[in-house]
Amino acid sequence: MPGRLVVEEVEALAMQRAVLFVQEIGLSEVVFEGDSSIFIAALYEDRENLSPLGHIVEDIKDLTSSFQFCQWSHTKRVNNEATHLLDFSAIHLDSYRVSLEEILDPIVSVVLRDISVS
């Protein structure tokens, strides 16, 4: 189906948006998690990324260069359920302007469950 994003593109765009959000709220020391080990490794590479998603990787590197501390961490998909629920919620929003409570309320129970299992 033309125009549909593949999983890797969604992961990359979600990370890019997360970085922009962190900038918008004024954080400067951050740890980002993702479940694509290939994408996380690409963010650590010093050389320019020429892959099909390279422009997003390079944009993320540029955006995070002003942070005082920025770390990328790989997490297994099974341990990342809250993030996937948040991604799913964001994909199905009717507009860009929503309250955090509107998005976070359904995810709180998943996060609490993850904390209790950890």
N, C-alpha and C. Protein backbone atom coordinates (compact mmCIF):
# COMPACT_ATOMS: atom_id res chain seq x y z
N MET A 1 0.84 -1.17 0.00
CA MET A 1 0.00 0.00 0.00
C MET A 1 0.90 1.25 0.00
N PRO A 2 0.81 2.08 -1.03
CA PRO A 2 1.64 3.27 -1.12
C PRO A 2 1.38 4.23 0.04
N GLY A 3 2.46 4.89 0.46
CA GLY A 3 2.31 5.89 1.51
C GLY A 3 2.35 5.36 2.92
N ARG A 4 2.40 4.05 3.08
CA ARG A 4 2.46 3.48 4.43
C ARG A 4 3.90 3.44 4.90
N LEU A 5 4.08 3.71 6.19
CA LEU A 5 5.43 3.68 6.77
C LEU A 5 5.75 2.27 7.24
N VAL A 6 6.98 1.86 7.07
CA VAL A 6 7.43 0.59 7.59
C VAL A 6 7.85 0.78 9.04
N VAL A 7 7.99 -0.31 9.77
CA VAL A 7 8.28 -0.25 11.21
C VAL A 7 9.52 0.58 11.50
N GLU A 8 10.57 0.39 10.71
CA GLU A 8 11.81 1.12 10.95
C GLU A 8 11.61 2.63 10.81
N GLU A 9 10.79 3.03 9.84
CA GLU A 9 10.51 4.46 9.66
C GLU A 9 9.73 5.02 10.84
N VAL A 10 8.76 4.25 11.31
CA VAL A 10 7.97 4.70 12.46
C VAL A 10 8.86 4.84 13.69
N GLU A 11 9.74 3.87 13.91
CA GLU A 11 10.67 3.93 15.05
C GLU A 11 11.55 5.17 14.94
N ALA A 12 12.09 5.43 13.76
CA ALA A 12 12.97 6.58 13.56
C ALA A 12 12.22 7.89 13.77
N LEU A 13 11.04 8.00 13.20
CA LEU A 13 10.25 9.22 13.36
C LEU A 13 9.80 9.43 14.80
N ALA A 14 9.49 8.34 15.50
CA ALA A 14 9.11 8.44 16.90
C ALA A 14 10.28 8.95 17.74
N MET A 15 11.48 8.46 17.46
CA MET A 15 12.66 8.91 18.20
C MET A 15 12.93 10.39 17.89
N GLN A 16 12.79 10.76 16.64
CA GLN A 16 13.00 12.15 16.25
C GLN A 16 12.01 13.05 16.99
N ARG A 17 10.77 12.63 17.06
CA ARG A 17 9.75 13.43 17.75
C ARG A 17 10.02 13.48 19.25
N ALA A 18 10.50 12.39 19.81
CA ALA A 18 10.84 12.36 21.24
C ALA A 18 11.94 13.37 21.54
N VAL A 19 12.93 13.44 20.66
CA VAL A 19 14.03 14.39 20.84
C VAL A 19 13.49 15.82 20.76
N LEU A 20 12.64 16.09 19.80
CA LEU A 20 12.05 17.42 19.68
C LEU A 20 11.22 17.77 20.92
N PHE A 21 10.49 16.81 21.44
CA PHE A 21 9.68 17.03 22.63
C PHE A 21 10.57 17.37 23.83
N VAL A 22 11.66 16.62 23.99
CA VAL A 22 12.59 16.87 25.08
C VAL A 22 13.16 18.28 24.97
N GLN A 23 13.48 18.72 23.77
CA GLN A 23 13.96 20.09 23.57
C GLN A 23 12.88 21.10 23.94
N GLU A 24 11.65 20.83 23.50
CA GLU A 24 10.54 21.75 23.76
C GLU A 24 10.30 21.95 25.25
N ILE A 25 10.46 20.91 26.05
CA ILE A 25 10.20 21.06 27.48
C ILE A 25 11.44 21.47 28.26
N GLY A 26 12.56 21.62 27.57
CA GLY A 26 13.75 22.20 28.17
C GLY A 26 14.67 21.26 28.92
N LEU A 27 14.60 19.97 28.66
CA LEU A 27 15.54 19.05 29.30
C LEU A 27 16.88 19.09 28.58
N SER A 28 17.96 18.89 29.32
CA SER A 28 19.27 18.91 28.67
C SER A 28 20.11 17.68 29.01
N GLU A 29 19.64 16.86 29.94
CA GLU A 29 20.32 15.61 30.29
C GLU A 29 19.30 14.49 30.15
N VAL A 30 19.48 13.64 29.13
CA VAL A 30 18.46 12.67 28.79
C VAL A 30 19.04 11.31 28.42
N VAL A 31 18.23 10.28 28.61
CA VAL A 31 18.52 8.94 28.13
C VAL A 31 17.31 8.51 27.32
N PHE A 32 17.54 8.19 26.06
CA PHE A 32 16.48 7.73 25.19
C PHE A 32 16.59 6.21 25.05
N GLU A 33 15.44 5.54 25.04
CA GLU A 33 15.42 4.10 24.84
C GLU A 33 14.72 3.77 23.53
N GLY A 34 15.18 2.70 22.90
CA GLY A 34 14.54 2.22 21.69
C GLY A 34 14.76 0.73 21.56
N ASP A 35 13.87 0.06 20.84
CA ASP A 35 14.01 -1.40 20.73
C ASP A 35 14.61 -1.84 19.39
N SER A 36 15.10 -0.90 18.61
CA SER A 36 15.79 -1.25 17.37
C SER A 36 17.30 -1.10 17.60
N SER A 37 17.96 -2.23 17.80
CA SER A 37 19.40 -2.17 18.07
C SER A 37 20.17 -1.56 16.91
N ILE A 38 19.71 -1.77 15.70
CA ILE A 38 20.38 -1.20 14.52
C ILE A 38 20.26 0.32 14.53
N PHE A 39 19.08 0.82 14.87
CA PHE A 39 18.87 2.27 14.90
C PHE A 39 19.67 2.91 16.04
N ILE A 40 19.68 2.28 17.20
CA ILE A 40 20.45 2.80 18.33
C ILE A 40 21.94 2.84 17.98
N ALA A 41 22.43 1.77 17.34
CA ALA A 41 23.84 1.74 16.93
C ALA A 41 24.14 2.85 15.93
N ALA A 42 23.21 3.13 15.03
CA ALA A 42 23.40 4.19 14.03
C ALA A 42 23.54 5.56 14.70
N LEU A 43 22.86 5.76 15.81
CA LEU A 43 22.93 7.04 16.52
C LEU A 43 24.29 7.24 17.17
N TYR A 44 24.99 6.16 17.46
CA TYR A 44 26.33 6.25 18.07
C TYR A 44 27.45 6.39 17.04
N GLU A 45 27.17 6.10 15.78
CA GLU A 45 28.22 6.14 14.75
C GLU A 45 28.66 7.57 14.48
N ASP A 46 29.97 7.75 14.30
CA ASP A 46 30.52 9.07 14.01
C ASP A 46 30.37 9.47 12.54
N ARG A 47 30.40 8.48 11.67
CA ARG A 47 30.33 8.80 10.25
C ARG A 47 28.89 9.08 9.82
N GLU A 48 28.76 9.79 8.71
CA GLU A 48 27.44 10.14 8.19
C GLU A 48 26.68 8.87 7.79
N ASN A 49 25.42 8.83 8.13
CA ASN A 49 24.57 7.68 7.82
C ASN A 49 23.94 7.88 6.45
N LEU A 50 24.25 6.98 5.53
CA LEU A 50 23.75 7.09 4.16
C LEU A 50 22.63 6.10 3.86
N SER A 51 22.07 5.50 4.89
CA SER A 51 20.97 4.55 4.71
C SER A 51 19.70 5.31 4.33
N PRO A 52 18.64 4.58 3.94
CA PRO A 52 17.38 5.26 3.61
C PRO A 52 16.83 6.12 4.76
N LEU A 53 17.18 5.79 5.99
CA LEU A 53 16.73 6.57 7.14
C LEU A 53 17.83 7.50 7.66
N GLY A 54 18.91 7.61 6.90
CA GLY A 54 20.07 8.39 7.34
C GLY A 54 19.75 9.84 7.62
N HIS A 55 18.86 10.42 6.84
CA HIS A 55 18.52 11.83 7.07
C HIS A 55 17.87 12.04 8.43
N ILE A 56 17.12 11.05 8.90
CA ILE A 56 16.50 11.14 10.22
C ILE A 56 17.57 10.93 11.30
N VAL A 57 18.43 9.95 11.09
CA VAL A 57 19.52 9.70 12.04
C VAL A 57 20.38 10.95 12.19
N GLU A 58 20.76 11.56 11.08
CA GLU A 58 21.60 12.75 11.12
C GLU A 58 20.88 13.93 11.77
N ASP A 59 19.59 14.06 11.53
CA ASP A 59 18.82 15.13 12.16
C ASP A 59 18.79 14.94 13.67
N ILE A 60 18.58 13.70 14.12
CA ILE A 60 18.56 13.41 15.56
C ILE A 60 19.92 13.72 16.18
N LYS A 61 20.99 13.32 15.52
CA LYS A 61 22.34 13.63 16.03
C LYS A 61 22.53 15.14 16.16
N ASP A 62 22.09 15.87 15.16
CA ASP A 62 22.23 17.32 15.18
C ASP A 62 21.39 17.94 16.31
N LEU A 63 20.17 17.47 16.46
CA LEU A 63 19.29 18.00 17.51
C LEU A 63 19.83 17.74 18.91
N THR A 64 20.46 16.59 19.10
CA THR A 64 20.94 16.23 20.44
C THR A 64 22.33 16.76 20.73
N SER A 65 23.00 17.34 19.76
CA SER A 65 24.36 17.83 19.98
C SER A 65 24.41 18.97 21.00
N SER A 66 23.30 19.64 21.22
CA SER A 66 23.28 20.74 22.19
C SER A 66 22.95 20.27 23.61
N PHE A 67 22.58 19.02 23.79
CA PHE A 67 22.27 18.51 25.13
C PHE A 67 23.55 18.40 25.95
N GLN A 68 23.43 18.64 27.26
CA GLN A 68 24.58 18.47 28.14
C GLN A 68 24.96 16.99 28.25
N PHE A 69 23.95 16.12 28.27
CA PHE A 69 24.17 14.68 28.34
C PHE A 69 23.09 14.00 27.53
N CYS A 70 23.49 13.10 26.66
CA CYS A 70 22.52 12.34 25.87
C CYS A 70 23.06 10.92 25.69
N GLN A 71 22.24 9.96 26.05
CA GLN A 71 22.63 8.56 25.92
C GLN A 71 21.50 7.81 25.21
N TRP A 72 21.90 6.81 24.43
CA TRP A 72 20.96 5.95 23.71
C TRP A 72 21.03 4.57 24.34
N SER A 73 19.90 3.99 24.61
CA SER A 73 19.87 2.69 25.26
C SER A 73 18.93 1.75 24.51
N HIS A 74 19.42 0.55 24.23
CA HIS A 74 18.59 -0.45 23.59
C HIS A 74 17.81 -1.23 24.65
N THR A 75 16.54 -1.42 24.43
CA THR A 75 15.71 -2.22 25.31
C THR A 75 14.94 -3.22 24.47
N LYS A 76 14.72 -4.39 25.02
CA LYS A 76 13.98 -5.40 24.27
C LYS A 76 12.53 -4.96 24.10
N ARG A 77 11.96 -5.32 22.96
CA ARG A 77 10.59 -4.92 22.65
C ARG A 77 9.61 -5.34 23.74
N VAL A 78 9.81 -6.50 24.31
CA VAL A 78 8.89 -6.99 25.34
C VAL A 78 8.91 -6.08 26.57
N ASN A 79 10.02 -5.39 26.80
CA ASN A 79 10.13 -4.46 27.93
C ASN A 79 9.76 -3.04 27.55
N ASN A 80 9.19 -2.85 26.39
CA ASN A 80 8.94 -1.52 25.86
C ASN A 80 7.46 -1.33 25.52
N GLU A 81 6.58 -2.02 26.21
CA GLU A 81 5.15 -1.99 25.89
C GLU A 81 4.55 -0.59 26.02
N ALA A 82 4.94 0.14 27.04
CA ALA A 82 4.39 1.49 27.24
C ALA A 82 4.74 2.39 26.06
N THR A 83 5.96 2.28 25.57
CA THR A 83 6.37 3.09 24.43
C THR A 83 5.55 2.76 23.21
N HIS A 84 5.29 1.48 22.99
CA HIS A 84 4.51 1.09 21.82
C HIS A 84 3.06 1.55 21.94
N LEU A 85 2.52 1.53 23.14
CA LEU A 85 1.17 2.07 23.33
C LEU A 85 1.15 3.56 23.06
N LEU A 86 2.18 4.26 23.50
CA LEU A 86 2.28 5.70 23.25
C LEU A 86 2.41 5.97 21.76
N ASP A 87 3.26 5.21 21.08
CA ASP A 87 3.40 5.36 19.62
C ASP A 87 2.07 5.12 18.92
N PHE A 88 1.38 4.06 19.31
CA PHE A 88 0.09 3.72 18.70
C PHE A 88 -0.90 4.85 18.93
N SER A 89 -0.92 5.40 20.14
CA SER A 89 -1.82 6.50 20.45
C SER A 89 -1.51 7.72 19.59
N ALA A 90 -0.23 8.01 19.44
CA ALA A 90 0.18 9.18 18.67
C ALA A 90 -0.19 9.05 17.20
N ILE A 91 -0.05 7.86 16.67
CA ILE A 91 -0.38 7.63 15.26
C ILE A 91 -1.86 7.88 14.99
N HIS A 92 -2.71 7.61 15.98
CA HIS A 92 -4.15 7.71 15.79
C HIS A 92 -4.75 9.01 16.32
N LEU A 93 -3.92 10.01 16.58
CA LEU A 93 -4.42 11.31 17.02
C LEU A 93 -5.00 12.07 15.84
N ASP A 94 -6.04 12.85 16.11
CA ASP A 94 -6.64 13.66 15.06
C ASP A 94 -5.90 14.97 14.83
N SER A 95 -5.13 15.41 15.82
CA SER A 95 -4.39 16.65 15.67
C SER A 95 -3.09 16.56 16.47
N TYR A 96 -2.25 17.56 16.31
CA TYR A 96 -0.98 17.59 17.05
C TYR A 96 -1.15 18.17 18.44
N ARG A 97 -2.27 18.80 18.71
CA ARG A 97 -2.47 19.46 19.99
C ARG A 97 -3.37 18.61 20.87
N VAL A 98 -2.75 17.98 21.85
CA VAL A 98 -3.47 17.16 22.82
C VAL A 98 -2.84 17.38 24.18
N SER A 99 -3.56 17.03 25.21
CA SER A 99 -2.97 17.14 26.55
C SER A 99 -2.22 15.86 26.86
N LEU A 100 -1.18 15.97 27.67
CA LEU A 100 -0.42 14.79 28.07
C LEU A 100 -1.32 13.80 28.79
N GLU A 101 -2.25 14.30 29.60
CA GLU A 101 -3.14 13.41 30.33
C GLU A 101 -3.97 12.54 29.38
N GLU A 102 -4.38 13.12 28.27
CA GLU A 102 -5.19 12.40 27.29
C GLU A 102 -4.43 11.19 26.74
N ILE A 103 -3.13 11.35 26.55
CA ILE A 103 -2.32 10.26 26.02
C ILE A 103 -1.86 9.33 27.13
N LEU A 104 -1.46 9.89 28.26
CA LEU A 104 -0.80 9.09 29.29
C LEU A 104 -1.76 8.24 30.13
N ASP A 105 -3.00 8.66 30.32
CA ASP A 105 -3.91 7.91 31.18
C ASP A 105 -3.98 6.42 30.82
N PRO A 106 -4.15 6.05 29.56
CA PRO A 106 -4.22 4.62 29.24
C PRO A 106 -2.90 3.88 29.44
N ILE A 107 -1.80 4.60 29.52
CA ILE A 107 -0.48 3.98 29.58
C ILE A 107 -0.01 3.79 31.03
N VAL A 108 -0.59 4.54 31.94
CA VAL A 108 -0.14 4.50 33.33
C VAL A 108 -0.16 3.09 33.89
N SER A 109 -1.22 2.32 33.63
CA SER A 109 -1.30 0.96 34.18
C SER A 109 -0.18 0.07 33.63
N VAL A 110 0.18 0.26 32.37
CA VAL A 110 1.27 -0.52 31.77
C VAL A 110 2.60 -0.16 32.42
N VAL A 111 2.83 1.13 32.64
CA VAL A 111 4.07 1.57 33.27
C VAL A 111 4.15 1.04 34.70
N LEU A 112 3.05 1.12 35.45
CA LEU A 112 3.05 0.62 36.81
C LEU A 112 3.31 -0.89 36.85
N ARG A 113 2.77 -1.60 35.88
CA ARG A 113 3.02 -3.04 35.80
C ARG A 113 4.49 -3.30 35.49
N ASP A 114 5.07 -2.53 34.57
CA ASP A 114 6.50 -2.69 34.25
C ASP A 114 7.37 -2.42 35.46
N ILE A 115 7.02 -1.41 36.23
CA ILE A 115 7.81 -1.08 37.43
C ILE A 115 7.73 -2.19 38.45
N SER A 116 6.55 -2.77 38.62
CA SER A 116 6.39 -3.82 39.63
C SER A 116 7.11 -5.11 39.23
N VAL A 117 7.29 -5.34 37.93
CA VAL A 117 7.97 -6.54 37.45
C VAL A 117 9.48 -6.37 37.51
N SER A 118 9.95 -5.13 37.32
CA SER A 118 11.40 -4.86 37.30
C SER A 118 12.06 -5.12 38.61
